[in-house]
mmCIF file of all heavy atoms, coordinates in Angstrom:
data_MODEL
# 
_entry.id   MODEL 
# 
loop_
_atom_site.group_PDB 
_atom_site.id 
_atom_site.type_symbol 
_atom_site.label_atom_id 
_atom_site.label_alt_id 
_atom_site.label_comp_id 
_atom_site.label_asym_id 
_atom_site.label_entity_id 
_atom_site.label_seq_id 
_atom_site.pdbx_PDB_ins_code 
_atom_site.Cartn_x 
_atom_site.Cartn_y 
_atom_site.Cartn_z 
_atom_site.occupancy 
_atom_site.B_iso_or_equiv 
_atom_site.pdbx_formal_charge 
_atom_site.auth_seq_id 
_atom_site.auth_comp_id 
_atom_site.auth_asym_id 
_atom_site.auth_atom_id 
_atom_site.pdbx_PDB_model_num 
ATOM 1   N N   . SER A 1 1  ? 83.894 152.051 92.480  1.00 0.00 ? 1  SER A N   1 
ATOM 2   C CA  . SER A 1 1  ? 83.145 153.214 91.991  1.00 0.00 ? 1  SER A CA  1 
ATOM 3   C C   . SER A 1 1  ? 83.703 154.492 92.607  1.00 0.00 ? 1  SER A C   1 
ATOM 4   O O   . SER A 1 1  ? 83.853 155.505 91.919  1.00 0.00 ? 1  SER A O   1 
ATOM 5   C CB  . SER A 1 1  ? 81.662 153.071 92.325  1.00 0.00 ? 1  SER A CB  1 
ATOM 6   O OG  . SER A 1 1  ? 81.102 151.945 91.683  1.00 0.00 ? 1  SER A OG  1 
ATOM 7   N N   . ASP A 1 2  ? 84.012 154.463 93.897  1.00 0.00 ? 2  ASP A N   1 
ATOM 8   C CA  . ASP A 1 2  ? 84.574 155.639 94.558  1.00 0.00 ? 2  ASP A CA  1 
ATOM 9   C C   . ASP A 1 2  ? 85.914 156.037 93.940  1.00 0.00 ? 2  ASP A C   1 
ATOM 10  O O   . ASP A 1 2  ? 86.245 157.224 93.861  1.00 0.00 ? 2  ASP A O   1 
ATOM 11  C CB  . ASP A 1 2  ? 84.765 155.382 96.053  1.00 0.00 ? 2  ASP A CB  1 
ATOM 12  C CG  . ASP A 1 2  ? 83.437 155.301 96.794  1.00 0.00 ? 2  ASP A CG  1 
ATOM 13  O OD1 . ASP A 1 2  ? 82.414 155.721 96.218  1.00 0.00 ? 2  ASP A OD1 1 
ATOM 14  O OD2 . ASP A 1 2  ? 83.420 154.812 97.940  1.00 0.00 ? 2  ASP A OD2 1 
ATOM 15  N N   . LYS A 1 3  ? 86.679 155.045 93.478  1.00 0.00 ? 3  LYS A N   1 
ATOM 16  C CA  . LYS A 1 3  ? 87.983 155.317 92.868  1.00 0.00 ? 3  LYS A CA  1 
ATOM 17  C C   . LYS A 1 3  ? 87.890 155.556 91.356  1.00 0.00 ? 3  LYS A C   1 
ATOM 18  O O   . LYS A 1 3  ? 88.922 155.739 90.707  1.00 0.00 ? 3  LYS A O   1 
ATOM 19  C CB  . LYS A 1 3  ? 88.936 154.139 93.129  1.00 0.00 ? 3  LYS A CB  1 
ATOM 20  C CG  . LYS A 1 3  ? 89.285 153.927 94.598  1.00 0.00 ? 3  LYS A CG  1 
ATOM 21  C CD  . LYS A 1 3  ? 90.274 152.793 94.750  1.00 0.00 ? 3  LYS A CD  1 
ATOM 22  C CE  . LYS A 1 3  ? 91.613 153.141 94.115  1.00 0.00 ? 3  LYS A CE  1 
ATOM 23  N NZ  . LYS A 1 3  ? 92.596 152.062 94.239  1.00 0.00 ? 3  LYS A NZ  1 
ATOM 24  N N   . LYS A 1 4  ? 86.680 155.527 90.815  1.00 0.00 ? 4  LYS A N   1 
ATOM 25  C CA  . LYS A 1 4  ? 86.446 155.693 89.373  1.00 0.00 ? 4  LYS A CA  1 
ATOM 26  C C   . LYS A 1 4  ? 87.178 154.621 88.569  1.00 0.00 ? 4  LYS A C   1 
ATOM 27  O O   . LYS A 1 4  ? 87.683 154.874 87.469  1.00 0.00 ? 4  LYS A O   1 
ATOM 28  C CB  . LYS A 1 4  ? 86.902 157.089 88.913  1.00 0.00 ? 4  LYS A CB  1 
ATOM 29  C CG  . LYS A 1 4  ? 86.365 158.226 89.751  1.00 0.00 ? 4  LYS A CG  1 
ATOM 30  C CD  . LYS A 1 4  ? 84.858 158.279 89.727  1.00 0.00 ? 4  LYS A CD  1 
ATOM 31  C CE  . LYS A 1 4  ? 84.309 159.456 90.518  1.00 0.00 ? 4  LYS A CE  1 
ATOM 32  N NZ  . LYS A 1 4  ? 84.507 159.356 91.976  1.00 0.00 ? 4  LYS A NZ  1 
ATOM 33  N N   . GLU A 1 5  ? 87.236 153.393 89.105  1.00 0.00 ? 5  GLU A N   1 
ATOM 34  C CA  . GLU A 1 5  ? 87.924 152.295 88.432  1.00 0.00 ? 5  GLU A CA  1 
ATOM 35  C C   . GLU A 1 5  ? 86.973 151.164 88.047  1.00 0.00 ? 5  GLU A C   1 
ATOM 36  O O   . GLU A 1 5  ? 87.416 150.092 87.650  1.00 0.00 ? 5  GLU A O   1 
ATOM 37  C CB  . GLU A 1 5  ? 89.042 151.746 89.318  1.00 0.00 ? 5  GLU A CB  1 
ATOM 38  C CG  . GLU A 1 5  ? 90.161 152.747 89.569  1.00 0.00 ? 5  GLU A CG  1 
ATOM 39  C CD  . GLU A 1 5  ? 91.263 152.184 90.462  1.00 0.00 ? 5  GLU A CD  1 
ATOM 40  O OE1 . GLU A 1 5  ? 91.150 151.011 90.883  1.00 0.00 ? 5  GLU A OE1 1 
ATOM 41  O OE2 . GLU A 1 5  ? 92.240 152.916 90.739  1.00 0.00 ? 5  GLU A OE2 1 
ATOM 42  N N   . ILE A 1 6  ? 85.671 151.415 88.137  1.00 0.00 ? 6  ILE A N   1 
ATOM 43  C CA  . ILE A 1 6  ? 84.717 150.361 87.850  1.00 0.00 ? 6  ILE A CA  1 
ATOM 44  C C   . ILE A 1 6  ? 84.757 149.976 86.368  1.00 0.00 ? 6  ILE A C   1 
ATOM 45  O O   . ILE A 1 6  ? 84.454 148.838 85.992  1.00 0.00 ? 6  ILE A O   1 
ATOM 46  C CB  . ILE A 1 6  ? 83.289 150.797 88.258  1.00 0.00 ? 6  ILE A CB  1 
ATOM 47  C CG1 . ILE A 1 6  ? 82.364 149.590 88.375  1.00 0.00 ? 6  ILE A CG1 1 
ATOM 48  C CG2 . ILE A 1 6  ? 82.740 151.840 87.321  1.00 0.00 ? 6  ILE A CG2 1 
ATOM 49  C CD1 . ILE A 1 6  ? 82.649 148.717 89.553  1.00 0.00 ? 6  ILE A CD1 1 
ATOM 50  N N   . ASP A 1 7  ? 85.138 150.925 85.494  1.00 0.00 ? 7  ASP A N   1 
ATOM 51  C CA  . ASP A 1 7  ? 85.212 150.654 84.060  1.00 0.00 ? 7  ASP A CA  1 
ATOM 52  C C   . ASP A 1 7  ? 86.636 150.399 83.582  1.00 0.00 ? 7  ASP A C   1 
ATOM 53  O O   . ASP A 1 7  ? 86.859 150.208 82.380  1.00 0.00 ? 7  ASP A O   1 
ATOM 54  C CB  . ASP A 1 7  ? 84.615 151.821 83.258  1.00 0.00 ? 7  ASP A CB  1 
ATOM 55  C CG  . ASP A 1 7  ? 83.106 151.911 83.423  1.00 0.00 ? 7  ASP A CG  1 
ATOM 56  O OD1 . ASP A 1 7  ? 82.458 150.849 83.409  1.00 0.00 ? 7  ASP A OD1 1 
ATOM 57  O OD2 . ASP A 1 7  ? 82.585 153.027 83.572  1.00 0.00 ? 7  ASP A OD2 1 
ATOM 58  N N   . ALA A 1 8  ? 87.599 150.422 84.509  1.00 0.00 ? 8  ALA A N   1 
ATOM 59  C CA  . ALA A 1 8  ? 88.969 150.087 84.134  1.00 0.00 ? 8  ALA A CA  1 
ATOM 60  C C   . ALA A 1 8  ? 89.050 148.595 83.812  1.00 0.00 ? 8  ALA A C   1 
ATOM 61  O O   . ALA A 1 8  ? 88.160 147.819 84.159  1.00 0.00 ? 8  ALA A O   1 
ATOM 62  C CB  . ALA A 1 8  ? 89.926 150.439 85.268  1.00 0.00 ? 8  ALA A CB  1 
ATOM 63  N N   . LEU A 1 9  ? 90.144 148.185 83.160  1.00 0.00 ? 9  LEU A N   1 
ATOM 64  C CA  . LEU A 1 9  ? 90.267 146.793 82.752  1.00 0.00 ? 9  LEU A CA  1 
ATOM 65  C C   . LEU A 1 9  ? 90.191 145.857 83.951  1.00 0.00 ? 9  LEU A C   1 
ATOM 66  O O   . LEU A 1 9  ? 89.437 144.879 83.942  1.00 0.00 ? 9  LEU A O   1 
ATOM 67  C CB  . LEU A 1 9  ? 91.588 146.583 82.005  1.00 0.00 ? 9  LEU A CB  1 
ATOM 68  C CG  . LEU A 1 9  ? 91.882 145.144 81.556  1.00 0.00 ? 9  LEU A CG  1 
ATOM 69  C CD1 . LEU A 1 9  ? 90.789 144.642 80.629  1.00 0.00 ? 9  LEU A CD1 1 
ATOM 70  C CD2 . LEU A 1 9  ? 93.246 145.076 80.860  1.00 0.00 ? 9  LEU A CD2 1 
ATOM 71  N N   . HIS A 1 10 ? 90.931 146.173 85.000  1.00 0.00 ? 10 HIS A N   1 
ATOM 72  C CA  . HIS A 1 10 ? 90.892 145.287 86.178  1.00 0.00 ? 10 HIS A CA  1 
ATOM 73  C C   . HIS A 1 10 ? 89.535 145.336 86.865  1.00 0.00 ? 10 HIS A C   1 
ATOM 74  O O   . HIS A 1 10 ? 89.087 144.343 87.449  1.00 0.00 ? 10 HIS A O   1 
ATOM 75  C CB  . HIS A 1 10 ? 92.011 145.642 87.166  1.00 0.00 ? 10 HIS A CB  1 
ATOM 76  C CG  . HIS A 1 10 ? 91.856 146.989 87.806  1.00 0.00 ? 10 HIS A CG  1 
ATOM 77  N ND1 . HIS A 1 10 ? 92.321 148.143 87.237  1.00 0.00 ? 10 HIS A ND1 1 
ATOM 78  C CD2 . HIS A 1 10 ? 91.281 147.368 88.983  1.00 0.00 ? 10 HIS A CD2 1 
ATOM 79  C CE1 . HIS A 1 10 ? 92.061 149.175 88.024  1.00 0.00 ? 10 HIS A CE1 1 
ATOM 80  N NE2 . HIS A 1 10 ? 91.424 148.733 89.090  1.00 0.00 ? 10 HIS A NE2 1 
ATOM 81  N N   . GLY A 1 11 ? 88.842 146.483 86.776  1.00 0.00 ? 11 GLY A N   1 
ATOM 82  C CA  . GLY A 1 11 ? 87.508 146.567 87.356  1.00 0.00 ? 11 GLY A CA  1 
ATOM 83  C C   . GLY A 1 11 ? 86.503 145.710 86.613  1.00 0.00 ? 11 GLY A C   1 
ATOM 84  O O   . GLY A 1 11 ? 85.681 145.014 87.226  1.00 0.00 ? 11 GLY A O   1 
ATOM 85  N N   . ARG A 1 12 ? 86.550 145.723 85.277  1.00 0.00 ? 12 ARG A N   1 
ATOM 86  C CA  . ARG A 1 12 ? 85.642 144.901 84.480  1.00 0.00 ? 12 ARG A CA  1 
ATOM 87  C C   . ARG A 1 12 ? 85.913 143.410 84.705  1.00 0.00 ? 12 ARG A C   1 
ATOM 88  O O   . ARG A 1 12 ? 84.980 142.606 84.790  1.00 0.00 ? 12 ARG A O   1 
ATOM 89  C CB  . ARG A 1 12 ? 85.787 145.243 82.992  1.00 0.00 ? 12 ARG A CB  1 
ATOM 90  C CG  . ARG A 1 12 ? 85.457 146.686 82.653  1.00 0.00 ? 12 ARG A CG  1 
ATOM 91  C CD  . ARG A 1 12 ? 85.106 146.831 81.175  1.00 0.00 ? 12 ARG A CD  1 
ATOM 92  N NE  . ARG A 1 12 ? 86.099 146.244 80.298  1.00 0.00 ? 12 ARG A NE  1 
ATOM 93  C CZ  . ARG A 1 12 ? 87.129 146.886 79.788  1.00 0.00 ? 12 ARG A CZ  1 
ATOM 94  N NH1 . ARG A 1 12 ? 87.340 148.152 80.107  1.00 0.00 ? 12 ARG A NH1 1 
ATOM 95  N NH2 . ARG A 1 12 ? 87.974 146.284 78.963  1.00 0.00 ? 12 ARG A NH2 1 
ATOM 96  N N   . ILE A 1 13 ? 87.197 143.045 84.786  1.00 0.00 ? 13 ILE A N   1 
ATOM 97  C CA  . ILE A 1 13 ? 87.527 141.637 85.026  1.00 0.00 ? 13 ILE A CA  1 
ATOM 98  C C   . ILE A 1 13 ? 87.037 141.205 86.400  1.00 0.00 ? 13 ILE A C   1 
ATOM 99  O O   . ILE A 1 13 ? 86.467 140.115 86.561  1.00 0.00 ? 13 ILE A O   1 
ATOM 100 C CB  . ILE A 1 13 ? 89.048 141.428 84.894  1.00 0.00 ? 13 ILE A CB  1 
ATOM 101 C CG1 . ILE A 1 13 ? 89.481 141.643 83.447  1.00 0.00 ? 13 ILE A CG1 1 
ATOM 102 C CG2 . ILE A 1 13 ? 89.446 140.029 85.360  1.00 0.00 ? 13 ILE A CG2 1 
ATOM 103 C CD1 . ILE A 1 13 ? 90.987 141.626 83.242  1.00 0.00 ? 13 ILE A CD1 1 
ATOM 104 N N   . ALA A 1 14 ? 87.239 142.075 87.397  1.00 0.00 ? 14 ALA A N   1 
ATOM 105 C CA  . ALA A 1 14 ? 86.801 141.743 88.758  1.00 0.00 ? 14 ALA A CA  1 
ATOM 106 C C   . ALA A 1 14 ? 85.290 141.541 88.808  1.00 0.00 ? 14 ALA A C   1 
ATOM 107 O O   . ALA A 1 14 ? 84.795 140.587 89.417  1.00 0.00 ? 14 ALA A O   1 
ATOM 108 C CB  . ALA A 1 14 ? 87.224 142.847 89.731  1.00 0.00 ? 14 ALA A CB  1 
ATOM 109 N N   . LEU A 1 15 ? 84.528 142.418 88.157  1.00 0.00 ? 15 LEU A N   1 
ATOM 110 C CA  . LEU A 1 15 ? 83.078 142.263 88.141  1.00 0.00 ? 15 LEU A CA  1 
ATOM 111 C C   . LEU A 1 15 ? 82.680 140.965 87.445  1.00 0.00 ? 15 LEU A C   1 
ATOM 112 O O   . LEU A 1 15 ? 81.711 140.309 87.846  1.00 0.00 ? 15 LEU A O   1 
ATOM 113 C CB  . LEU A 1 15 ? 82.429 143.455 87.440  1.00 0.00 ? 15 LEU A CB  1 
ATOM 114 C CG  . LEU A 1 15 ? 82.508 144.792 88.180  1.00 0.00 ? 15 LEU A CG  1 
ATOM 115 C CD1 . LEU A 1 15 ? 81.821 145.883 87.369  1.00 0.00 ? 15 LEU A CD1 1 
ATOM 116 C CD2 . LEU A 1 15 ? 81.887 144.697 89.560  1.00 0.00 ? 15 LEU A CD2 1 
ATOM 117 N N   . GLY A 1 16 ? 83.437 140.576 86.419  1.00 0.00 ? 16 GLY A N   1 
ATOM 118 C CA  . GLY A 1 16 ? 83.144 139.326 85.721  1.00 0.00 ? 16 GLY A CA  1 
ATOM 119 C C   . GLY A 1 16 ? 83.303 138.123 86.617  1.00 0.00 ? 16 GLY A C   1 
ATOM 120 O O   . GLY A 1 16 ? 82.415 137.262 86.683  1.00 0.00 ? 16 GLY A O   1 
ATOM 121 N N   . PHE A 1 17 ? 84.428 138.030 87.341  1.00 0.00 ? 17 PHE A N   1 
ATOM 122 C CA  . PHE A 1 17 ? 84.566 136.823 88.169  1.00 0.00 ? 17 PHE A CA  1 
ATOM 123 C C   . PHE A 1 17 ? 83.755 136.909 89.458  1.00 0.00 ? 17 PHE A C   1 
ATOM 124 O O   . PHE A 1 17 ? 83.511 135.892 90.104  1.00 0.00 ? 17 PHE A O   1 
ATOM 125 C CB  . PHE A 1 17 ? 86.035 136.422 88.409  1.00 0.00 ? 17 PHE A CB  1 
ATOM 126 C CG  . PHE A 1 17 ? 86.926 137.418 89.085  1.00 0.00 ? 17 PHE A CG  1 
ATOM 127 C CD1 . PHE A 1 17 ? 86.723 137.798 90.400  1.00 0.00 ? 17 PHE A CD1 1 
ATOM 128 C CD2 . PHE A 1 17 ? 88.028 137.917 88.423  1.00 0.00 ? 17 PHE A CD2 1 
ATOM 129 C CE1 . PHE A 1 17 ? 87.583 138.679 91.033  1.00 0.00 ? 17 PHE A CE1 1 
ATOM 130 C CE2 . PHE A 1 17 ? 88.904 138.797 89.045  1.00 0.00 ? 17 PHE A CE2 1 
ATOM 131 C CZ  . PHE A 1 17 ? 88.668 139.185 90.358  1.00 0.00 ? 17 PHE A CZ  1 
ATOM 132 N N   . LEU A 1 18 ? 83.281 138.102 89.822  1.00 0.00 ? 18 LEU A N   1 
ATOM 133 C CA  . LEU A 1 18 ? 82.324 138.177 90.931  1.00 0.00 ? 18 LEU A CA  1 
ATOM 134 C C   . LEU A 1 18 ? 80.983 137.558 90.539  1.00 0.00 ? 18 LEU A C   1 
ATOM 135 O O   . LEU A 1 18 ? 80.296 136.946 91.367  1.00 0.00 ? 18 LEU A O   1 
ATOM 136 C CB  . LEU A 1 18 ? 82.129 139.624 91.369  1.00 0.00 ? 18 LEU A CB  1 
ATOM 137 C CG  . LEU A 1 18 ? 83.284 140.242 92.164  1.00 0.00 ? 18 LEU A CG  1 
ATOM 138 C CD1 . LEU A 1 18 ? 83.044 141.721 92.391  1.00 0.00 ? 18 LEU A CD1 1 
ATOM 139 C CD2 . LEU A 1 18 ? 83.469 139.523 93.488  1.00 0.00 ? 18 LEU A CD2 1 
ATOM 140 N N   . ILE A 1 19 ? 80.603 137.725 89.264  1.00 0.00 ? 19 ILE A N   1 
ATOM 141 C CA  . ILE A 1 19 ? 79.382 137.073 88.774  1.00 0.00 ? 19 ILE A CA  1 
ATOM 142 C C   . ILE A 1 19 ? 79.548 135.554 88.834  1.00 0.00 ? 19 ILE A C   1 
ATOM 143 O O   . ILE A 1 19 ? 78.622 134.822 89.209  1.00 0.00 ? 19 ILE A O   1 
ATOM 144 C CB  . ILE A 1 19 ? 79.059 137.542 87.343  1.00 0.00 ? 19 ILE A CB  1 
ATOM 145 C CG1 . ILE A 1 19 ? 78.666 139.016 87.350  1.00 0.00 ? 19 ILE A CG1 1 
ATOM 146 C CG2 . ILE A 1 19 ? 77.939 136.706 86.737  1.00 0.00 ? 19 ILE A CG2 1 
ATOM 147 C CD1 . ILE A 1 19 ? 78.440 139.594 85.964  1.00 0.00 ? 19 ILE A CD1 1 
ATOM 148 N N   . VAL A 1 20 ? 80.743 135.075 88.473  1.00 0.00 ? 20 VAL A N   1 
ATOM 149 C CA  . VAL A 1 20 ? 81.004 133.641 88.578  1.00 0.00 ? 20 VAL A CA  1 
ATOM 150 C C   . VAL A 1 20 ? 80.876 133.188 90.026  1.00 0.00 ? 20 VAL A C   1 
ATOM 151 O O   . VAL A 1 20 ? 80.299 132.131 90.315  1.00 0.00 ? 20 VAL A O   1 
ATOM 152 C CB  . VAL A 1 20 ? 82.407 133.311 88.021  1.00 0.00 ? 20 VAL A CB  1 
ATOM 153 C CG1 . VAL A 1 20 ? 82.739 131.838 88.232  1.00 0.00 ? 20 VAL A CG1 1 
ATOM 154 C CG2 . VAL A 1 20 ? 82.485 133.657 86.533  1.00 0.00 ? 20 VAL A CG2 1 
ATOM 155 N N   . GLN A 1 21 ? 81.400 133.977 90.954  1.00 0.00 ? 21 GLN A N   1 
ATOM 156 C CA  . GLN A 1 21 ? 81.255 133.638 92.372  1.00 0.00 ? 21 GLN A CA  1 
ATOM 157 C C   . GLN A 1 21 ? 79.785 133.573 92.777  1.00 0.00 ? 21 GLN A C   1 
ATOM 158 O O   . GLN A 1 21 ? 79.384 132.695 93.547  1.00 0.00 ? 21 GLN A O   1 
ATOM 159 C CB  . GLN A 1 21 ? 81.985 134.664 93.236  1.00 0.00 ? 21 GLN A CB  1 
ATOM 160 C CG  . GLN A 1 21 ? 83.497 134.534 93.227  1.00 0.00 ? 21 GLN A CG  1 
ATOM 161 C CD  . GLN A 1 21 ? 84.150 135.443 94.262  1.00 0.00 ? 21 GLN A CD  1 
ATOM 162 O OE1 . GLN A 1 21 ? 83.468 136.162 95.001  1.00 0.00 ? 21 GLN A OE1 1 
ATOM 163 N NE2 . GLN A 1 21 ? 85.464 135.412 94.320  1.00 0.00 ? 21 GLN A NE2 1 
ATOM 164 N N   . ASP A 1 22 ? 78.988 134.514 92.274  1.00 0.00 ? 22 ASP A N   1 
ATOM 165 C CA  . ASP A 1 22 ? 77.557 134.491 92.593  1.00 0.00 ? 22 ASP A CA  1 
ATOM 166 C C   . ASP A 1 22 ? 76.906 133.199 92.107  1.00 0.00 ? 22 ASP A C   1 
ATOM 167 O O   . ASP A 1 22 ? 76.039 132.627 92.789  1.00 0.00 ? 22 ASP A O   1 
ATOM 168 C CB  . ASP A 1 22 ? 76.857 135.697 91.954  1.00 0.00 ? 22 ASP A CB  1 
ATOM 169 C CG  . ASP A 1 22 ? 77.252 137.011 92.614  1.00 0.00 ? 22 ASP A CG  1 
ATOM 170 O OD1 . ASP A 1 22 ? 77.728 136.966 93.761  1.00 0.00 ? 22 ASP A OD1 1 
ATOM 171 O OD2 . ASP A 1 22 ? 77.100 138.064 91.977  1.00 0.00 ? 22 ASP A OD2 1 
ATOM 172 N N   . LEU A 1 23 ? 77.307 132.733 90.933  1.00 0.00 ? 23 LEU A N   1 
ATOM 173 C CA  . LEU A 1 23 ? 76.768 131.472 90.421  1.00 0.00 ? 23 LEU A CA  1 
ATOM 174 C C   . LEU A 1 23 ? 77.193 130.301 91.304  1.00 0.00 ? 23 LEU A C   1 
ATOM 175 O O   . LEU A 1 23 ? 76.408 129.375 91.540  1.00 0.00 ? 23 LEU A O   1 
ATOM 176 C CB  . LEU A 1 23 ? 77.240 131.250 88.977  1.00 0.00 ? 23 LEU A CB  1 
ATOM 177 C CG  . LEU A 1 23 ? 76.726 132.257 87.943  1.00 0.00 ? 23 LEU A CG  1 
ATOM 178 C CD1 . LEU A 1 23 ? 77.366 131.997 86.584  1.00 0.00 ? 23 LEU A CD1 1 
ATOM 179 C CD2 . LEU A 1 23 ? 75.205 132.183 87.826  1.00 0.00 ? 23 LEU A CD2 1 
ATOM 180 N N   . VAL A 1 24 ? 78.414 130.349 91.805  1.00 0.00 ? 24 VAL A N   1 
ATOM 181 C CA  . VAL A 1 24 ? 78.874 129.297 92.719  1.00 0.00 ? 24 VAL A CA  1 
ATOM 182 C C   . VAL A 1 24 ? 78.075 129.341 94.020  1.00 0.00 ? 24 VAL A C   1 
ATOM 183 O O   . VAL A 1 24 ? 77.734 128.297 94.591  1.00 0.00 ? 24 VAL A O   1 
ATOM 184 C CB  . VAL A 1 24 ? 80.383 129.445 92.992  1.00 0.00 ? 24 VAL A CB  1 
ATOM 185 C CG1 . VAL A 1 24 ? 80.842 128.452 94.058  1.00 0.00 ? 24 VAL A CG1 1 
ATOM 186 C CG2 . VAL A 1 24 ? 81.181 129.237 91.717  1.00 0.00 ? 24 VAL A CG2 1 
ATOM 187 N N   . VAL A 1 25 ? 77.761 130.549 94.488  1.00 0.00 ? 25 VAL A N   1 
ATOM 188 C CA  . VAL A 1 25 ? 76.922 130.683 95.681  1.00 0.00 ? 25 VAL A CA  1 
ATOM 189 C C   . VAL A 1 25 ? 75.584 129.976 95.464  1.00 0.00 ? 25 VAL A C   1 
ATOM 190 O O   . VAL A 1 25 ? 75.095 129.247 96.337  1.00 0.00 ? 25 VAL A O   1 
ATOM 191 C CB  . VAL A 1 25 ? 76.688 132.172 96.015  1.00 0.00 ? 25 VAL A CB  1 
ATOM 192 C CG1 . VAL A 1 25 ? 75.593 132.324 97.072  1.00 0.00 ? 25 VAL A CG1 1 
ATOM 193 C CG2 . VAL A 1 25 ? 77.967 132.809 96.515  1.00 0.00 ? 25 VAL A CG2 1 
ATOM 194 N N   . VAL A 1 26 ? 75.002 130.207 94.287  1.00 0.00 ? 26 VAL A N   1 
ATOM 195 C CA  . VAL A 1 26 ? 73.716 129.574 93.969  1.00 0.00 ? 26 VAL A CA  1 
ATOM 196 C C   . VAL A 1 26 ? 73.841 128.054 94.041  1.00 0.00 ? 26 VAL A C   1 
ATOM 197 O O   . VAL A 1 26 ? 73.009 127.366 94.655  1.00 0.00 ? 26 VAL A O   1 
ATOM 198 C CB  . VAL A 1 26 ? 73.234 130.019 92.581  1.00 0.00 ? 26 VAL A CB  1 
ATOM 199 C CG1 . VAL A 1 26 ? 71.976 129.254 92.183  1.00 0.00 ? 26 VAL A CG1 1 
ATOM 200 C CG2 . VAL A 1 26 ? 72.959 131.514 92.563  1.00 0.00 ? 26 VAL A CG2 1 
ATOM 201 N N   . MET A 1 27 ? 74.876 127.509 93.409  1.00 0.00 ? 27 MET A N   1 
ATOM 202 C CA  . MET A 1 27 ? 75.058 126.058 93.400  1.00 0.00 ? 27 MET A CA  1 
ATOM 203 C C   . MET A 1 27 ? 75.275 125.523 94.817  1.00 0.00 ? 27 MET A C   1 
ATOM 204 O O   . MET A 1 27 ? 74.733 124.476 95.185  1.00 0.00 ? 27 MET A O   1 
ATOM 205 C CB  . MET A 1 27 ? 76.237 125.685 92.510  1.00 0.00 ? 27 MET A CB  1 
ATOM 206 C CG  . MET A 1 27 ? 76.062 126.069 91.043  1.00 0.00 ? 27 MET A CG  1 
ATOM 207 S SD  . MET A 1 27 ? 74.547 125.364 90.321  1.00 0.00 ? 27 MET A SD  1 
ATOM 208 C CE  . MET A 1 27 ? 74.879 123.604 90.525  1.00 0.00 ? 27 MET A CE  1 
ATOM 209 N N   . ALA A 1 28 ? 76.064 126.233 95.623  1.00 0.00 ? 28 ALA A N   1 
ATOM 210 C CA  . ALA A 1 28 ? 76.318 125.791 96.991  1.00 0.00 ? 28 ALA A CA  1 
ATOM 211 C C   . ALA A 1 28 ? 75.030 125.761 97.809  1.00 0.00 ? 28 ALA A C   1 
ATOM 212 O O   . ALA A 1 28 ? 74.786 124.825 98.584  1.00 0.00 ? 28 ALA A O   1 
ATOM 213 C CB  . ALA A 1 28 ? 77.355 126.706 97.648  1.00 0.00 ? 28 ALA A CB  1 
ATOM 214 N N   . MET A 1 29 ? 74.180 126.761 97.628  1.00 0.00 ? 29 MET A N   1 
ATOM 215 C CA  . MET A 1 29 ? 72.924 126.806 98.370  1.00 0.00 ? 29 MET A CA  1 
ATOM 216 C C   . MET A 1 29 ? 71.964 125.721 97.902  1.00 0.00 ? 29 MET A C   1 
ATOM 217 O O   . MET A 1 29 ? 71.199 125.166 98.698  1.00 0.00 ? 29 MET A O   1 
ATOM 218 C CB  . MET A 1 29 ? 72.287 128.191 98.238  1.00 0.00 ? 29 MET A CB  1 
ATOM 219 C CG  . MET A 1 29 ? 73.036 129.277 98.991  1.00 0.00 ? 29 MET A CG  1 
ATOM 220 S SD  . MET A 1 29 ? 72.223 130.883 98.905  1.00 0.00 ? 29 MET A SD  1 
ATOM 221 C CE  . MET A 1 29 ? 73.274 131.840 100.007 1.00 0.00 ? 29 MET A CE  1 
# 
């Protein structure tokens, strides 16, 4: 967000696989 790249292509992809990581966190717990 500070770099104004949250809506860039790599930013959107990164946010997508961070959500996947969050789901893995849920399963691990």
